[in-house]
Amino acid sequence: MKLPTPTSVRQLRTALGHTGYYRKFIKGYAQITAPILVFPDWTKEFHVHVDASSIALGAALAQPGAGDIDHPIAFASRKLSTSEMNYTTTEREGLAMVYALQKFRHYLLGGCGSRLD
């Protein structure tokens, strides 16, 4: 609880190493930590979040949970090709959405509560 918030990759690895080691000494460790990924609830709508930088793009598939917090179901990312790096910011964001819709298609078209508007 008193570990400082990691600000670098090395500090993050150190923090994960500490929690991984001490989890065996903490009863109910898995119940007191927030879930990272959840299983999809096919009765709820899906939310697709995308972002793009000058070198890569990423996407997250989520569903609404308690308190208007989206719970992640899946993540995806990839590097941009050399030609894609020349796209404008708007084009890269659009490319990220196309990538996300292709990657998460089976979720978005398979559930009862999902719609592609």
Protein backbone atom coordinates (compact mmCIF):
# COMPACT_ATOMS: atom_id res chain seq x y z
CA MET A 1 0.00 0.00 0.00
CA LYS A 2 2.90 2.36 0.64
CA LEU A 3 4.82 1.72 -2.58
CA PRO A 4 5.23 4.88 -4.65
CA THR A 5 3.38 5.13 -7.95
CA PRO A 6 5.70 3.85 -10.70
CA THR A 7 6.84 6.48 -13.18
CA SER A 8 9.09 4.36 -15.40
CA VAL A 9 9.09 0.86 -16.86
CA ARG A 10 11.75 -0.24 -14.39
CA GLN A 11 9.72 1.04 -11.42
CA LEU A 12 6.61 -0.67 -12.78
CA ARG A 13 8.44 -3.98 -13.04
CA THR A 14 9.70 -3.53 -9.49
CA ALA A 15 6.17 -2.85 -8.21
CA LEU A 16 4.78 -5.88 -10.04
CA GLY A 17 7.57 -8.01 -8.62
CA HIS A 18 6.74 -6.87 -5.07
CA THR A 19 3.03 -7.53 -5.41
CA GLY A 20 3.65 -10.87 -7.12
CA TYR A 21 5.87 -11.98 -4.25
CA TYR A 22 3.71 -10.73 -1.37
CA ARG A 23 0.38 -11.93 -2.79
CA LYS A 24 0.94 -15.36 -1.23
CA PHE A 25 1.01 -13.73 2.23
CA ILE A 26 -2.20 -11.69 1.76
CA LYS A 27 -5.43 -13.61 2.27
CA GLY A 28 -7.98 -12.83 -0.43
CA TYR A 29 -5.44 -10.91 -2.54
CA ALA A 30 -7.34 -11.56 -5.77
CA GLN A 31 -10.60 -10.29 -4.24
CA ILE A 32 -9.16 -7.00 -3.01
CA THR A 33 -7.51 -6.03 -6.33
CA ALA A 34 -9.51 -4.57 -9.18
CA PRO A 35 -10.16 -6.87 -12.14
CA ILE A 36 -8.07 -6.16 -15.22
CA LEU A 37 -10.27 -7.88 -17.80
CA VAL A 38 -13.86 -9.03 -17.48
CA PHE A 39 -15.90 -11.49 -19.49
CA PRO A 40 -18.37 -9.92 -21.92
CA ASP A 41 -21.98 -9.56 -20.88
CA TRP A 42 -23.93 -10.16 -24.09
CA THR A 43 -26.92 -8.20 -22.77
CA LYS A 44 -24.94 -4.93 -22.50
CA GLU A 45 -23.63 -2.65 -25.21
CA PHE A 46 -19.97 -2.60 -26.14
CA HIS A 47 -17.76 0.49 -26.18
CA VAL A 48 -14.75 0.76 -28.46
CA HIS A 49 -11.97 3.16 -27.40
CA VAL A 50 -9.14 3.95 -29.81
CA ASP A 51 -6.02 6.07 -29.82
CA ALA A 52 -3.22 6.62 -32.29
CA SER A 53 0.26 8.07 -32.01
CA SER A 54 2.84 8.80 -34.68
CA ILE A 55 4.21 5.24 -34.43
CA ALA A 56 1.38 2.96 -33.25
CA LEU A 57 -2.32 2.60 -32.64
CA GLY A 58 -4.29 0.92 -29.89
CA ALA A 59 -7.82 -0.09 -29.07
CA ALA A 60 -9.80 -1.26 -26.08
CA LEU A 61 -13.13 -3.06 -26.05
CA ALA A 62 -15.16 -2.37 -22.92
CA GLN A 63 -18.61 -2.52 -21.40
CA PRO A 64 -20.27 -0.14 -18.95
CA GLY A 65 -20.12 -1.14 -15.32
CA ALA A 66 -21.11 0.33 -11.99
CA GLY A 67 -20.69 4.06 -11.63
CA ASP A 68 -20.28 4.79 -15.34
CA ILE A 69 -16.90 3.07 -15.40
CA ASP A 70 -16.06 1.03 -18.48
CA HIS A 71 -14.68 -2.42 -17.69
CA PRO A 72 -12.16 -3.62 -20.29
CA ILE A 73 -12.80 -6.88 -22.12
CA ALA A 74 -9.92 -6.90 -24.62
CA PHE A 75 -7.00 -4.78 -25.77
CA ALA A 76 -5.26 -4.65 -29.16
CA SER A 77 -2.41 -2.63 -30.62
CA ARG A 78 -0.01 -2.59 -33.53
CA LYS A 79 2.80 -0.52 -34.99
CA LEU A 80 2.14 1.67 -37.99
CA SER A 81 3.78 0.91 -41.32
CA THR A 82 6.16 3.44 -42.81
CA SER A 83 3.49 4.83 -45.11
CA GLU A 84 0.89 4.94 -42.32
CA MET A 85 3.25 7.11 -40.25
CA ASN A 86 2.73 9.83 -42.88
CA TYR A 87 -1.05 9.92 -42.28
CA THR A 88 -2.59 12.94 -40.62
CA THR A 89 -3.75 12.64 -37.01
CA THR A 90 -7.37 12.30 -38.13
CA GLU A 91 -6.48 9.57 -40.62
CA ARG A 92 -4.52 7.65 -37.97
CA GLU A 93 -7.46 7.87 -35.54
CA GLY A 94 -9.77 6.59 -38.30
CA LEU A 95 -7.31 3.80 -39.08
CA ALA A 96 -7.32 2.87 -35.38
CA MET A 97 -11.13 2.60 -35.44
CA VAL A 98 -11.08 0.41 -38.58
CA TYR A 99 -8.43 -1.78 -36.95
CA ALA A 100 -10.49 -2.05 -33.74
CA LEU A 101 -13.70 -2.94 -35.57
CA GLN A 102 -11.88 -5.66 -37.52
CA LYS A 103 -10.13 -6.97 -34.41
CA PHE A 104 -13.27 -7.03 -32.22
CA ARG A 105 -15.74 -7.95 -34.97
CA HIS A 106 -16.69 -11.25 -33.35
CA TYR A 107 -17.71 -9.42 -30.18
CA LEU A 108 -19.51 -6.58 -31.90
CA LEU A 109 -21.55 -8.72 -34.28
CA GLY A 110 -22.02 -11.74 -32.02
CA GLY A 111 -23.82 -10.35 -29.01
CA CYS A 112 -27.51 -9.56 -28.61
CA GLY A 113 -26.81 -6.12 -27.17
CA SER A 114 -24.31 -5.06 -29.82
CA ARG A 115 -25.03 -2.79 -32.76
CA LEU A 116 -22.84 -1.29 -35.41
CA ASP A 117 -24.46 2.08 -36.12
